[in-house]
Amino acid sequence: MIAKTRGNTAEFVHQRLLDDLQLGSFLPGDKLTTESLARRYDVSRTPVREALIRLEREGVVDATANSGYEIRTPTLDELCDMYEIREALEGLAVAKLAENGASPELIAELRSCCDRRRHAANLDETDTGDRQFHALICDSCGSETLQALVHNYLVLSTVFNVTRYLLKDRPNFNRHDIDLEHERIVDAIEAGNPKLARKLLAEHIAYARKLMRKLVRK
């Protein structure tokens, strides 16, 4: 059993669950129980219950009968709403970052995220690189309020990333150069051009939303 305080353990379980969801270890519609998760993460049931209650508040899981939980299965409209909200919020975040000025170290880290994604060996590494890029912009925007809002919708859209599974067996379907878009966004940030950075990032997320809608409807 992991030797942590209850509050820290609940936070640990919450983060591990989000990590597993983003990696596809659990899928929408999957059932979750405190007993199975306690065994999985080697903790007691109390912090697991607290983590699940928090995930329910965040819109990730729904409570079911017999004190169980189920990973939500959002509708296509709900998924598109998440992306549209991200377009607005992340666009504002990147504009603030470009306006405030990014350090050479931050620019180098963003370019490193681009390189890791471009040279990813598999889909998991590609998704991880993509999340890291967007999270780094979020974490560097200079506004704690905006950061919290962006992070919430970034997590939701990656947890419910249906495009990942729809493209899994069609590697050549999406020929859109996401890596080039990322690099252009970094160029705009480095140039201190908030208007362009906002436009590029909003268009980047809008493309992902339109692709998802197209794939789901096929």
N, C-alpha and C. Protein backbone atom coordinates (compact mmCIF):
# COMPACT_ATOMS: atom_id res chain seq x y z
N MET A 1 0.84 -1.19 0.00
CA MET A 1 0.00 0.00 0.00
C MET A 1 0.87 1.24 0.00
N ILE A 2 0.54 2.22 -0.83
CA ILE A 2 1.34 3.43 -0.95
C ILE A 2 1.20 4.27 0.31
N ALA A 3 2.34 4.66 0.90
CA ALA A 3 2.33 5.43 2.14
C ALA A 3 2.22 6.91 1.82
N LYS A 4 0.98 7.41 1.74
CA LYS A 4 0.73 8.82 1.48
C LYS A 4 -0.42 9.27 2.35
N THR A 5 -0.53 10.59 2.55
CA THR A 5 -1.70 11.09 3.24
C THR A 5 -2.91 10.89 2.34
N ARG A 6 -4.11 10.90 2.93
CA ARG A 6 -5.30 10.60 2.14
C ARG A 6 -5.51 11.62 1.02
N GLY A 7 -5.29 12.91 1.34
CA GLY A 7 -5.47 13.94 0.32
C GLY A 7 -4.50 13.77 -0.84
N ASN A 8 -3.25 13.49 -0.52
CA ASN A 8 -2.26 13.28 -1.56
C ASN A 8 -2.56 12.03 -2.38
N THR A 9 -3.07 11.00 -1.71
CA THR A 9 -3.38 9.76 -2.41
C THR A 9 -4.55 9.96 -3.36
N ALA A 10 -5.56 10.72 -2.95
CA ALA A 10 -6.69 11.02 -3.83
C ALA A 10 -6.22 11.78 -5.07
N GLU A 11 -5.30 12.72 -4.87
CA GLU A 11 -4.74 13.48 -6.00
C GLU A 11 -3.95 12.55 -6.92
N PHE A 12 -3.19 11.65 -6.31
CA PHE A 12 -2.42 10.66 -7.07
C PHE A 12 -3.34 9.80 -7.92
N VAL A 13 -4.42 9.29 -7.34
CA VAL A 13 -5.36 8.44 -8.07
C VAL A 13 -6.04 9.23 -9.18
N HIS A 14 -6.43 10.45 -8.89
CA HIS A 14 -7.08 11.31 -9.88
C HIS A 14 -6.17 11.49 -11.09
N GLN A 15 -4.90 11.79 -10.85
CA GLN A 15 -3.97 12.01 -11.96
C GLN A 15 -3.69 10.72 -12.72
N ARG A 16 -3.54 9.61 -12.00
CA ARG A 16 -3.30 8.32 -12.67
C ARG A 16 -4.49 7.93 -13.55
N LEU A 17 -5.69 8.18 -13.07
CA LEU A 17 -6.89 7.89 -13.86
C LEU A 17 -6.91 8.73 -15.13
N LEU A 18 -6.61 10.02 -14.99
CA LEU A 18 -6.58 10.89 -16.17
C LEU A 18 -5.51 10.43 -17.16
N ASP A 19 -4.35 10.05 -16.62
CA ASP A 19 -3.27 9.56 -17.49
C ASP A 19 -3.72 8.31 -18.25
N ASP A 20 -4.35 7.38 -17.53
CA ASP A 20 -4.81 6.15 -18.17
C ASP A 20 -5.90 6.41 -19.20
N LEU A 21 -6.78 7.37 -18.90
CA LEU A 21 -7.83 7.73 -19.84
C LEU A 21 -7.23 8.34 -21.11
N GLN A 22 -6.25 9.23 -20.93
CA GLN A 22 -5.64 9.88 -22.08
C GLN A 22 -4.82 8.91 -22.92
N LEU A 23 -4.32 7.86 -22.29
CA LEU A 23 -3.55 6.85 -23.01
C LEU A 23 -4.44 5.77 -23.64
N GLY A 24 -5.74 5.83 -23.34
CA GLY A 24 -6.66 4.86 -23.91
C GLY A 24 -6.76 3.56 -23.14
N SER A 25 -6.24 3.54 -21.90
CA SER A 25 -6.36 2.31 -21.08
C SER A 25 -7.82 2.06 -20.70
N PHE A 26 -8.60 3.13 -20.55
CA PHE A 26 -10.04 3.04 -20.34
C PHE A 26 -10.72 3.80 -21.47
N LEU A 27 -11.90 3.31 -21.87
CA LEU A 27 -12.62 3.91 -22.99
C LEU A 27 -14.01 4.35 -22.56
N PRO A 28 -14.62 5.30 -23.27
CA PRO A 28 -16.00 5.69 -22.96
C PRO A 28 -16.92 4.48 -22.88
N GLY A 29 -17.72 4.45 -21.82
CA GLY A 29 -18.63 3.33 -21.60
C GLY A 29 -18.08 2.28 -20.66
N ASP A 30 -16.77 2.29 -20.41
CA ASP A 30 -16.17 1.32 -19.49
C ASP A 30 -16.67 1.56 -18.07
N LYS A 31 -16.89 0.45 -17.35
CA LYS A 31 -17.31 0.52 -15.95
C LYS A 31 -16.10 0.61 -15.03
N LEU A 32 -16.23 1.41 -14.00
CA LEU A 32 -15.16 1.56 -13.01
C LEU A 32 -15.72 1.28 -11.62
N THR A 33 -14.97 0.53 -10.84
CA THR A 33 -15.37 0.29 -9.45
C THR A 33 -14.24 0.69 -8.53
N THR A 34 -14.60 1.09 -7.32
CA THR A 34 -13.56 1.49 -6.35
C THR A 34 -12.64 0.31 -6.04
N GLU A 35 -13.21 -0.90 -5.99
CA GLU A 35 -12.40 -2.08 -5.65
C GLU A 35 -11.33 -2.35 -6.72
N SER A 36 -11.74 -2.35 -7.99
CA SER A 36 -10.78 -2.67 -9.05
C SER A 36 -9.71 -1.58 -9.18
N LEU A 37 -10.11 -0.33 -9.01
CA LEU A 37 -9.14 0.76 -9.11
C LEU A 37 -8.19 0.79 -7.92
N ALA A 38 -8.72 0.44 -6.75
CA ALA A 38 -7.85 0.37 -5.56
C ALA A 38 -6.76 -0.68 -5.77
N ARG A 39 -7.13 -1.81 -6.37
CA ARG A 39 -6.13 -2.84 -6.66
C ARG A 39 -5.15 -2.36 -7.73
N ARG A 40 -5.67 -1.70 -8.74
CA ARG A 40 -4.84 -1.25 -9.85
C ARG A 40 -3.75 -0.27 -9.38
N TYR A 41 -4.14 0.65 -8.49
CA TYR A 41 -3.21 1.69 -8.05
C TYR A 41 -2.62 1.43 -6.68
N ASP A 42 -2.94 0.27 -6.10
CA ASP A 42 -2.38 -0.14 -4.82
C ASP A 42 -2.64 0.90 -3.72
N VAL A 43 -3.91 1.28 -3.61
CA VAL A 43 -4.33 2.23 -2.58
C VAL A 43 -5.62 1.72 -1.94
N SER A 44 -6.08 2.40 -0.90
CA SER A 44 -7.35 2.02 -0.29
C SER A 44 -8.51 2.56 -1.13
N ARG A 45 -9.73 2.14 -0.80
CA ARG A 45 -10.88 2.54 -1.60
C ARG A 45 -11.30 4.00 -1.36
N THR A 46 -11.00 4.54 -0.18
CA THR A 46 -11.45 5.90 0.14
C THR A 46 -10.90 6.95 -0.82
N PRO A 47 -9.58 7.01 -1.06
CA PRO A 47 -9.08 8.00 -2.02
C PRO A 47 -9.55 7.75 -3.45
N VAL A 48 -9.79 6.49 -3.79
CA VAL A 48 -10.33 6.17 -5.11
C VAL A 48 -11.73 6.77 -5.24
N ARG A 49 -12.54 6.60 -4.20
CA ARG A 49 -13.90 7.17 -4.21
C ARG A 49 -13.85 8.68 -4.35
N GLU A 50 -12.92 9.32 -3.63
CA GLU A 50 -12.79 10.77 -3.70
C GLU A 50 -12.36 11.22 -5.10
N ALA A 51 -11.46 10.47 -5.72
CA ALA A 51 -11.01 10.79 -7.07
C ALA A 51 -12.14 10.65 -8.08
N LEU A 52 -12.96 9.60 -7.92
CA LEU A 52 -14.08 9.39 -8.84
C LEU A 52 -15.14 10.47 -8.69
N ILE A 53 -15.39 10.90 -7.47
CA ILE A 53 -16.35 11.99 -7.24
C ILE A 53 -15.86 13.26 -7.93
N ARG A 54 -14.57 13.52 -7.84
CA ARG A 54 -13.99 14.69 -8.50
C ARG A 54 -14.11 14.57 -10.02
N LEU A 55 -13.85 13.39 -10.57
CA LEU A 55 -13.97 13.19 -12.01
C LEU A 55 -15.42 13.34 -12.48
N GLU A 56 -16.36 12.96 -11.60
CA GLU A 56 -17.77 13.16 -11.94
C GLU A 56 -18.08 14.66 -12.03
N ARG A 57 -17.58 15.44 -11.09
CA ARG A 57 -17.78 16.89 -11.13
C ARG A 57 -17.15 17.50 -12.38
N GLU A 58 -16.05 16.92 -12.83
CA GLU A 58 -15.34 17.45 -14.00
C GLU A 58 -15.94 16.97 -15.32
N GLY A 59 -16.96 16.11 -15.25
CA GLY A 59 -17.63 15.66 -16.46
C GLY A 59 -16.98 14.50 -17.17
N VAL A 60 -16.10 13.77 -16.46
CA VAL A 60 -15.39 12.65 -17.08
C VAL A 60 -16.13 11.34 -16.89
N VAL A 61 -16.74 11.14 -15.73
CA VAL A 61 -17.46 9.89 -15.44
C VAL A 61 -18.87 10.22 -14.95
N ASP A 62 -19.74 9.22 -15.02
CA ASP A 62 -21.10 9.32 -14.47
C ASP A 62 -21.27 8.25 -13.40
N ALA A 63 -21.97 8.59 -12.32
CA ALA A 63 -22.29 7.61 -11.29
C ALA A 63 -23.34 6.65 -11.82
N THR A 64 -23.22 5.36 -11.44
CA THR A 64 -24.18 4.35 -11.85
C THR A 64 -24.74 3.66 -10.60
N ALA A 65 -25.60 2.69 -10.82
CA ALA A 65 -26.18 1.97 -9.70
C ALA A 65 -25.10 1.21 -8.92
N ASN A 66 -25.40 0.91 -7.68
CA ASN A 66 -24.50 0.14 -6.81
C ASN A 66 -23.15 0.82 -6.59
N SER A 67 -23.19 2.16 -6.52
CA SER A 67 -22.00 2.96 -6.20
C SER A 67 -20.88 2.81 -7.23
N GLY A 68 -21.24 2.42 -8.44
CA GLY A 68 -20.23 2.31 -9.49
C GLY A 68 -20.15 3.58 -10.33
N TYR A 69 -19.24 3.57 -11.29
CA TYR A 69 -19.07 4.71 -12.19
C TYR A 69 -18.85 4.19 -13.60
N GLU A 70 -19.15 5.05 -14.56
CA GLU A 70 -18.97 4.71 -15.97
C GLU A 70 -18.35 5.91 -16.67
N ILE A 71 -17.37 5.65 -17.52
CA ILE A 71 -16.76 6.74 -18.28
C ILE A 71 -17.80 7.28 -19.27
N ARG A 72 -17.97 8.58 -19.26
CA ARG A 72 -18.99 9.20 -20.10
C ARG A 72 -18.76 8.91 -21.58
N THR A 73 -19.86 8.86 -22.31
CA THR A 73 -19.81 8.76 -23.76
C THR A 73 -20.48 10.01 -24.32
N PRO A 74 -19.70 11.07 -24.55
CA PRO A 74 -20.31 12.32 -25.01
C PRO A 74 -20.84 12.20 -26.43
N THR A 75 -21.84 13.02 -26.74
CA THR A 75 -22.38 13.06 -28.10
C THR A 75 -21.40 13.82 -29.00
N LEU A 76 -21.60 13.70 -30.30
CA LEU A 76 -20.76 14.42 -31.26
C LEU A 76 -20.87 15.93 -31.03
N ASP A 77 -22.07 16.41 -30.77
CA ASP A 77 -22.25 17.85 -30.52
C ASP A 77 -21.49 18.29 -29.27
N GLU A 78 -21.51 17.46 -28.23
CA GLU A 78 -20.77 17.79 -27.01
C GLU A 78 -19.26 17.84 -27.28
N LEU A 79 -18.78 16.88 -28.07
CA LEU A 79 -17.36 16.86 -28.41
C LEU A 79 -16.97 18.11 -29.20
N CYS A 80 -17.81 18.47 -30.17
CA CYS A 80 -17.52 19.67 -30.96
C CYS A 80 -17.57 20.92 -30.10
N ASP A 81 -18.47 20.95 -29.12
CA ASP A 81 -18.53 22.09 -28.19
C ASP A 81 -17.20 22.23 -27.44
N MET A 82 -16.64 21.09 -27.00
CA MET A 82 -15.36 21.12 -26.28
C MET A 82 -14.28 21.77 -27.13
N TYR A 83 -14.25 21.39 -28.40
CA TYR A 83 -13.22 21.93 -29.29
C TYR A 83 -13.46 23.42 -29.57
N GLU A 84 -14.71 23.81 -29.72
CA GLU A 84 -15.00 25.23 -29.97
C GLU A 84 -14.61 26.08 -28.77
N ILE A 85 -14.84 25.56 -27.57
CA ILE A 85 -14.42 26.27 -26.36
C ILE A 85 -12.90 26.36 -26.31
N ARG A 86 -12.23 25.28 -26.69
CA ARG A 86 -10.77 25.30 -26.74
C ARG A 86 -10.25 26.33 -27.75
N GLU A 87 -10.92 26.44 -28.89
CA GLU A 87 -10.51 27.44 -29.88
C GLU A 87 -10.46 28.83 -29.25
N ALA A 88 -11.51 29.16 -28.49
CA ALA A 88 -11.59 30.49 -27.87
C ALA A 88 -10.57 30.63 -26.74
N LEU A 89 -10.54 29.65 -25.84
CA LEU A 89 -9.69 29.77 -24.65
C LEU A 89 -8.20 29.65 -24.98
N GLU A 90 -7.84 28.66 -25.78
CA GLU A 90 -6.43 28.50 -26.12
C GLU A 90 -5.94 29.62 -27.04
N GLY A 91 -6.86 30.14 -27.86
CA GLY A 91 -6.50 31.29 -28.68
C GLY A 91 -6.15 32.49 -27.81
N LEU A 92 -6.94 32.70 -26.76
CA LEU A 92 -6.65 33.79 -25.82
C LEU A 92 -5.35 33.53 -25.07
N ALA A 93 -5.13 32.28 -24.67
CA ALA A 93 -3.91 31.93 -23.93
C ALA A 93 -2.66 32.18 -24.76
N VAL A 94 -2.67 31.75 -26.02
CA VAL A 94 -1.47 31.92 -26.84
C VAL A 94 -1.26 33.39 -27.19
N ALA A 95 -2.35 34.15 -27.32
CA ALA A 95 -2.21 35.59 -27.57
C ALA A 95 -1.55 36.28 -26.39
N LYS A 96 -1.97 35.91 -25.17
CA LYS A 96 -1.35 36.49 -23.97
C LYS A 96 0.13 36.13 -23.90
N LEU A 97 0.44 34.89 -24.24
CA LEU A 97 1.82 34.44 -24.21
C LEU A 97 2.67 35.24 -25.20
N ALA A 98 2.16 35.40 -26.43
CA ALA A 98 2.91 36.15 -27.45
C ALA A 98 3.04 37.62 -27.06
N GLU A 99 1.98 38.17 -26.48
CA GLU A 99 2.00 39.58 -26.10
C GLU A 99 2.96 39.83 -24.93
N ASN A 100 2.97 38.92 -23.96
CA ASN A 100 3.84 39.08 -22.80
C ASN A 100 5.31 38.80 -23.12
N GLY A 101 5.53 38.02 -24.17
CA GLY A 101 6.89 37.66 -24.55
C GLY A 101 7.32 36.33 -23.97
N ALA A 102 7.76 35.45 -24.83
CA ALA A 102 8.22 34.12 -24.41
C ALA A 102 9.74 34.11 -24.34
N SER A 103 10.27 33.51 -23.30
CA SER A 103 11.71 33.43 -23.13
C SER A 103 12.31 32.50 -24.18
N PRO A 104 13.60 32.66 -24.48
CA PRO A 104 14.26 31.74 -25.42
C PRO A 104 14.16 30.29 -24.95
N GLU A 105 14.19 30.10 -23.62
CA GLU A 105 14.08 28.73 -23.08
C GLU A 105 12.72 28.12 -23.38
N LEU A 106 11.66 28.95 -23.26
CA LEU A 106 10.31 28.45 -23.55
C LEU A 106 10.16 28.15 -25.04
N ILE A 107 10.67 29.02 -25.88
CA ILE A 107 10.61 28.77 -27.33
C ILE A 107 11.33 27.46 -27.66
N ALA A 108 12.47 27.25 -27.05
CA ALA A 108 13.23 26.02 -27.29
C ALA A 108 12.43 24.81 -26.84
N GLU A 109 11.74 24.93 -25.71
CA GLU A 109 10.94 23.81 -25.19
C GLU A 109 9.76 23.53 -26.11
N LEU A 110 9.12 24.58 -26.63
CA LEU A 110 8.01 24.39 -27.57
C LEU A 110 8.49 23.71 -28.85
N ARG A 111 9.66 24.13 -29.34
CA ARG A 111 10.20 23.51 -30.55
C ARG A 111 10.58 22.06 -30.29
N SER A 112 11.02 21.78 -29.07
CA SER A 112 11.34 20.41 -28.69
C SER A 112 10.08 19.54 -28.72
N CYS A 113 8.94 20.11 -28.26
CA CYS A 113 7.66 19.39 -28.33
C CYS A 113 7.31 19.08 -29.79
N CYS A 114 7.55 20.06 -30.67
CA CYS A 114 7.28 19.85 -32.10
C CYS A 114 8.13 18.71 -32.64
N ASP A 115 9.40 18.70 -32.27
CA ASP A 115 10.31 17.66 -32.76
C ASP A 115 9.91 16.28 -32.25
N ARG A 116 9.53 16.21 -30.96
CA ARG A 116 9.13 14.91 -30.40
C ARG A 116 7.90 14.38 -31.11
N ARG A 117 6.96 15.25 -31.41
CA ARG A 117 5.75 14.79 -32.11
C ARG A 117 6.08 14.37 -33.53
N ARG A 118 6.88 15.16 -34.22
CA ARG A 118 7.22 14.86 -35.61
C ARG A 118 7.94 13.52 -35.74
N HIS A 119 8.78 13.19 -34.77
CA HIS A 119 9.58 11.97 -34.85
C HIS A 119 9.02 10.84 -33.97
N ALA A 120 7.76 10.95 -33.60
CA ALA A 120 7.14 9.92 -32.77
C ALA A 120 7.13 8.58 -33.49
N ALA A 121 7.37 7.53 -32.71
CA ALA A 121 7.45 6.19 -33.30
C ALA A 121 6.09 5.52 -33.41
N ASN A 122 5.10 6.01 -32.67
CA ASN A 122 3.77 5.40 -32.70
C ASN A 122 2.72 6.43 -32.32
N LEU A 123 1.45 5.99 -32.35
CA LEU A 123 0.33 6.90 -32.10
C LEU A 123 0.34 7.43 -30.67
N ASP A 124 0.73 6.60 -29.71
CA ASP A 124 0.78 7.04 -28.31
C ASP A 124 1.78 8.19 -28.14
N GLU A 125 2.95 8.06 -28.77
CA GLU A 125 3.96 9.10 -28.67
C GLU A 125 3.51 10.38 -29.39
N THR A 126 2.79 10.21 -30.50
CA THR A 126 2.26 11.37 -31.22
C THR A 126 1.27 12.13 -30.35
N ASP A 127 0.34 11.40 -29.72
CA ASP A 127 -0.65 12.03 -28.86
C ASP A 127 0.01 12.71 -27.66
N THR A 128 1.01 12.06 -27.08
CA THR A 128 1.72 12.63 -25.94
C THR A 128 2.40 13.94 -26.33
N GLY A 129 3.06 13.96 -27.47
CA GLY A 129 3.71 15.17 -27.95
C GLY A 129 2.72 16.29 -28.20
N ASP A 130 1.56 15.94 -28.73
CA ASP A 130 0.52 16.94 -28.99
C ASP A 130 0.01 17.53 -27.68
N ARG A 131 -0.26 16.68 -26.70
CA ARG A 131 -0.73 17.16 -25.39
C ARG A 131 0.30 18.06 -24.73
N GLN A 132 1.56 17.67 -24.81
CA GLN A 132 2.62 18.45 -24.18
C GLN A 132 2.72 19.84 -24.80
N PHE A 133 2.57 19.93 -26.11
CA PHE A 133 2.64 21.22 -26.80
C PHE A 133 1.53 22.15 -26.32
N HIS A 134 0.31 21.66 -26.33
CA HIS A 134 -0.83 22.50 -25.94
C HIS A 134 -0.78 22.83 -24.44
N ALA A 135 -0.37 21.86 -23.62
CA ALA A 135 -0.30 22.10 -22.18
C ALA A 135 0.76 23.14 -21.85
N LEU A 136 1.86 23.13 -22.58
CA LEU A 136 2.94 24.09 -22.32
C LEU A 136 2.48 25.51 -22.63
N ILE A 137 1.75 25.69 -23.70
CA ILE A 137 1.19 27.02 -24.01
C ILE A 137 0.23 27.45 -22.91
N CYS A 138 -0.62 26.52 -22.48
CA CYS A 138 -1.57 26.79 -21.40
C CYS A 138 -0.84 27.21 -20.12
N ASP A 139 0.17 26.44 -19.74
CA ASP A 139 0.88 26.67 -18.49
C ASP A 139 1.72 27.96 -18.51
N SER A 140 1.97 28.50 -19.71
CA SER A 140 2.86 29.66 -19.83
C SER A 140 2.12 30.94 -20.17
N CYS A 141 0.78 30.92 -20.13
CA CYS A 141 0.01 32.08 -20.61
C CYS A 141 0.03 33.26 -19.64
N GLY A 142 0.41 33.02 -18.38
CA GLY A 142 0.52 34.11 -17.42
C GLY A 142 -0.75 34.43 -16.66
N SER A 143 -1.80 33.65 -16.86
CA SER A 143 -3.07 33.86 -16.14
C SER A 143 -3.50 32.55 -15.50
N GLU A 144 -3.53 32.51 -14.18
CA GLU A 144 -3.92 31.28 -13.49
C GLU A 144 -5.37 30.91 -13.78
N THR A 145 -6.24 31.91 -13.88
CA THR A 145 -7.66 31.65 -14.16
C THR A 145 -7.82 31.03 -15.53
N LEU A 146 -7.20 31.64 -16.53
CA LEU A 146 -7.28 31.12 -17.89
C LEU A 146 -6.62 29.75 -17.98
N GLN A 147 -5.52 29.59 -17.29
CA GLN A 147 -4.79 28.32 -17.28
C GLN A 147 -5.69 27.18 -16.79
N ALA A 148 -6.43 27.43 -15.71
CA ALA A 148 -7.31 26.40 -15.15
C ALA A 148 -8.43 26.04 -16.13
N LEU A 149 -8.99 27.05 -16.80
CA LEU A 149 -10.07 26.81 -17.76
C LEU A 149 -9.57 26.02 -18.96
N VAL A 150 -8.43 26.44 -19.51
CA VAL A 150 -7.88 25.75 -20.67
C VAL A 150 -7.53 24.31 -20.31
N HIS A 151 -6.90 24.13 -19.16
CA HIS A 151 -6.49 22.79 -18.76
C HIS A 151 -7.69 21.84 -18.68
N ASN A 152 -8.79 22.32 -18.12
CA ASN A 152 -9.97 21.47 -17.97
C ASN A 152 -10.47 20.98 -19.33
N TYR A 153 -10.59 21.88 -20.30
CA TYR A 153 -11.11 21.48 -21.61
C TYR A 153 -10.07 20.73 -22.43
N LEU A 154 -8.80 21.01 -22.19
CA LEU A 154 -7.75 20.25 -22.86
C LEU A 154 -7.78 18.79 -22.41
N VAL A 155 -7.96 18.59 -21.12
CA VAL A 155 -8.06 17.23 -20.58
C VAL A 155 -9.29 16.51 -21.13
N LEU A 156 -10.44 17.18 -21.11
CA LEU A 156 -11.67 16.56 -21.60
C LEU A 156 -11.55 16.16 -23.07
N SER A 157 -10.99 17.04 -23.88
CA SER A 157 -10.92 16.73 -25.31
C SER A 157 -9.91 15.63 -25.61
N THR A 158 -8.90 15.47 -24.76
CA THR A 158 -7.95 14.37 -24.97
C THR A 158 -8.46 13.06 -24.37
N VAL A 159 -9.20 13.14 -23.27
CA VAL A 159 -9.82 11.94 -22.70
C VAL A 159 -10.81 11.35 -23.71
N PHE A 160 -11.60 12.23 -24.34
CA PHE A 160 -12.61 11.78 -25.30
C PHE A 160 -12.13 11.98 -26.74
N ASN A 161 -10.88 11.61 -26.99
CA ASN A 161 -10.27 11.81 -28.30
C ASN A 161 -10.66 10.68 -29.25
N VAL A 162 -11.86 10.78 -29.80
CA VAL A 162 -12.35 9.70 -30.67
C VAL A 162 -11.57 9.65 -31.98
N THR A 163 -11.02 10.79 -32.42
CA THR A 163 -10.27 10.81 -33.68
C THR A 163 -9.11 9.84 -33.64
N ARG A 164 -8.49 9.73 -32.48
CA ARG A 164 -7.35 8.80 -32.30
C ARG A 164 -7.73 7.39 -32.74
N TYR A 165 -8.91 6.92 -32.31
CA TYR A 165 -9.30 5.54 -32.61
C TYR A 165 -9.82 5.41 -34.04
N LEU A 166 -10.45 6.46 -34.54
CA LEU A 166 -10.97 6.41 -35.89
C LEU A 166 -9.84 6.41 -36.93
N LEU A 167 -8.70 7.02 -36.59
CA LEU A 167 -7.58 7.09 -37.51
C LEU A 167 -6.60 5.93 -37.33
N LYS A 168 -6.78 5.14 -36.30
CA LYS A 168 -5.80 4.11 -35.96
C LYS A 168 -5.53 3.16 -37.11
N ASP A 169 -6.57 2.76 -37.84
CA ASP A 169 -6.41 1.82 -38.94
C ASP A 169 -6.38 2.52 -40.30
N ARG A 170 -6.31 3.87 -40.26
CA ARG A 170 -6.25 4.63 -41.51
C ARG A 170 -5.13 5.66 -41.42
N PRO A 171 -3.88 5.20 -41.36
CA PRO A 171 -2.76 6.11 -41.11
C PRO A 171 -2.57 7.17 -42.19
N ASN A 172 -3.07 6.92 -43.41
CA ASN A 172 -2.87 7.87 -44.49
C ASN A 172 -4.07 8.78 -44.72
N PHE A 173 -5.11 8.63 -43.89
CA PHE A 173 -6.32 9.41 -44.11
C PHE A 173 -6.07 10.88 -43.85
N ASN A 174 -5.40 11.19 -42.75
CA ASN A 174 -5.19 12.58 -42.36
C ASN A 174 -3.81 13.05 -42.81
N ARG A 175 -3.77 13.67 -43.97
CA ARG A 175 -2.50 14.15 -44.52
C ARG A 175 -2.20 15.58 -44.10
N HIS A 176 -3.05 16.14 -43.31
CA HIS A 176 -2.87 17.51 -42.83
C HIS A 176 -1.60 17.58 -41.97
N ASP A 177 -0.77 18.59 -42.19
CA ASP A 177 0.51 18.68 -41.49
C ASP A 177 0.36 19.42 -40.17
N ILE A 178 -0.01 18.68 -39.15
CA ILE A 178 -0.18 19.26 -37.82
C ILE A 178 1.14 19.77 -37.28
N ASP A 179 2.23 19.06 -37.57
CA ASP A 179 3.54 19.48 -37.08
C ASP A 179 3.92 20.85 -37.64
N LEU A 180 3.63 21.09 -38.91
CA LEU A 180 3.93 22.38 -39.51
C LEU A 180 3.09 23.48 -38.86
N GLU A 181 1.83 23.16 -38.55
CA GLU A 181 0.98 24.14 -37.86
C GLU A 181 1.56 24.50 -36.50
N HIS A 182 2.00 23.50 -35.76
CA HIS A 182 2.62 23.75 -34.46
C HIS A 182 3.83 24.68 -34.61
N GLU A 183 4.66 24.41 -35.61
CA GLU A 183 5.87 25.21 -35.80
C GLU A 183 5.53 26.65 -36.15
N ARG A 184 4.49 26.85 -36.94
CA ARG A 184 4.08 28.22 -37.30
C ARG A 184 3.53 28.96 -36.09
N ILE A 185 2.86 28.24 -35.21
CA ILE A 185 2.37 28.85 -33.97
C ILE A 185 3.55 29.31 -33.12
N VAL A 186 4.57 28.46 -33.02
CA VAL A 186 5.77 28.84 -32.25
C VAL A 186 6.45 30.05 -32.88
N ASP A 187 6.50 30.08 -34.21
CA ASP A 187 7.10 31.23 -34.90
C ASP A 187 6.38 32.52 -34.54
N ALA A 188 5.05 32.46 -34.50
CA ALA A 188 4.26 33.65 -34.18
C ALA A 188 4.48 34.09 -32.73
N ILE A 189 4.59 33.11 -31.83
CA ILE A 189 4.87 33.43 -30.42
C ILE A 189 6.24 34.09 -30.31
N GLU A 190 7.22 33.50 -30.98
CA GLU A 190 8.59 34.03 -30.91
C GLU A 190 8.66 35.44 -31.49
N ALA A 191 7.86 35.71 -32.54
CA ALA A 191 7.86 37.02 -33.17
C ALA A 191 7.08 38.05 -32.35
N GLY A 192 6.41 37.59 -31.29
CA GLY A 192 5.62 38.51 -30.47
C GLY A 192 4.39 39.04 -31.18
N ASN A 193 3.75 38.17 -31.98
CA ASN A 193 2.59 38.56 -32.78
C ASN A 193 1.34 37.87 -32.21
N PRO A 194 0.68 38.47 -31.22
CA PRO A 194 -0.46 37.81 -30.58
C PRO A 194 -1.64 37.56 -31.52
N LYS A 195 -1.89 38.48 -32.45
CA LYS A 195 -3.02 38.32 -33.37
C LYS A 195 -2.81 37.11 -34.26
N LEU A 196 -1.62 36.96 -34.81
CA LEU A 196 -1.34 35.82 -35.68
C LEU A 196 -1.31 34.52 -34.89
N ALA A 197 -0.69 34.54 -33.71
CA ALA A 197 -0.62 33.32 -32.89
C ALA A 197 -2.03 32.83 -32.55
N ARG A 198 -2.90 33.76 -32.21
CA ARG A 198 -4.29 33.40 -31.86
C ARG A 198 -5.01 32.82 -33.07
N LYS A 199 -4.85 33.44 -34.22
CA LYS A 199 -5.50 32.97 -35.45
C LYS A 199 -5.02 31.56 -35.81
N LEU A 200 -3.71 31.35 -35.76
CA LEU A 200 -3.16 30.05 -36.14
C LEU A 200 -3.60 28.94 -35.20
N LEU A 201 -3.60 29.22 -33.89
CA LEU A 201 -3.98 28.17 -32.94
C LEU A 201 -5.47 27.87 -33.03
N ALA A 202 -6.30 28.91 -33.20
CA ALA A 202 -7.74 28.69 -33.34
C ALA A 202 -8.04 27.87 -34.59
N GLU A 203 -7.38 28.18 -35.69
CA GLU A 203 -7.59 27.43 -36.93
C GLU A 203 -7.10 25.98 -36.78
N HIS A 204 -6.02 25.80 -36.06
CA HIS A 204 -5.46 24.47 -35.80
C HIS A 204 -6.46 23.58 -35.06
N ILE A 205 -7.08 24.12 -34.01
CA ILE A 205 -8.06 23.35 -33.24
C ILE A 205 -9.35 23.17 -34.04
N ALA A 206 -9.72 24.19 -34.82
CA ALA A 206 -10.93 24.09 -35.64
C ALA A 206 -10.79 22.97 -36.67
N TYR A 207 -9.59 22.80 -37.22
CA TYR A 207 -9.38 21.71 -38.18
C TYR A 207 -9.61 20.35 -37.50
N ALA A 208 -9.09 20.20 -36.27
CA ALA A 208 -9.27 18.95 -35.53
C ALA A 208 -10.75 18.68 -35.28
N ARG A 209 -11.49 19.73 -34.97
CA ARG A 209 -12.94 19.58 -34.73
C ARG A 209 -13.65 19.14 -36.01
N LYS A 210 -13.32 19.77 -37.13
CA LYS A 210 -13.97 19.42 -38.39
C LYS A 210 -13.60 18.01 -38.84
N LEU A 211 -12.35 17.62 -38.62
CA LEU A 211 -11.92 16.26 -38.97
C LEU A 211 -12.68 15.23 -38.13
N MET A 212 -12.83 15.50 -36.84
CA MET A 212 -13.55 14.59 -35.97
C MET A 212 -15.00 14.42 -36.43
N ARG A 213 -15.65 15.53 -36.75
CA ARG A 213 -17.04 15.46 -37.21
C ARG A 213 -17.14 14.65 -38.51
N LYS A 214 -16.19 14.86 -39.41
CA LYS A 214 -16.19 14.14 -40.69
C LYS A 214 -16.00 12.64 -40.47
N LEU A 215 -15.09 12.27 -39.59
CA LEU A 215 -14.80 10.85 -39.34
C LEU A 215 -15.97 10.15 -38.66
N VAL A 216 -16.57 10.81 -37.67
CA VAL A 216 -17.68 10.21 -36.94
C VAL A 216 -18.87 9.97 -37.84
N ARG A 217 -19.09 10.87 -38.79
CA ARG A 217 -20.24 10.76 -39.67
C ARG A 217 -20.04 9.78 -40.80
N LYS A 218 -18.82 9.31 -41.01
CA LYS A 218 -18.56 8.36 -42.12
C LYS A 218 -19.19 7.00 -41.83
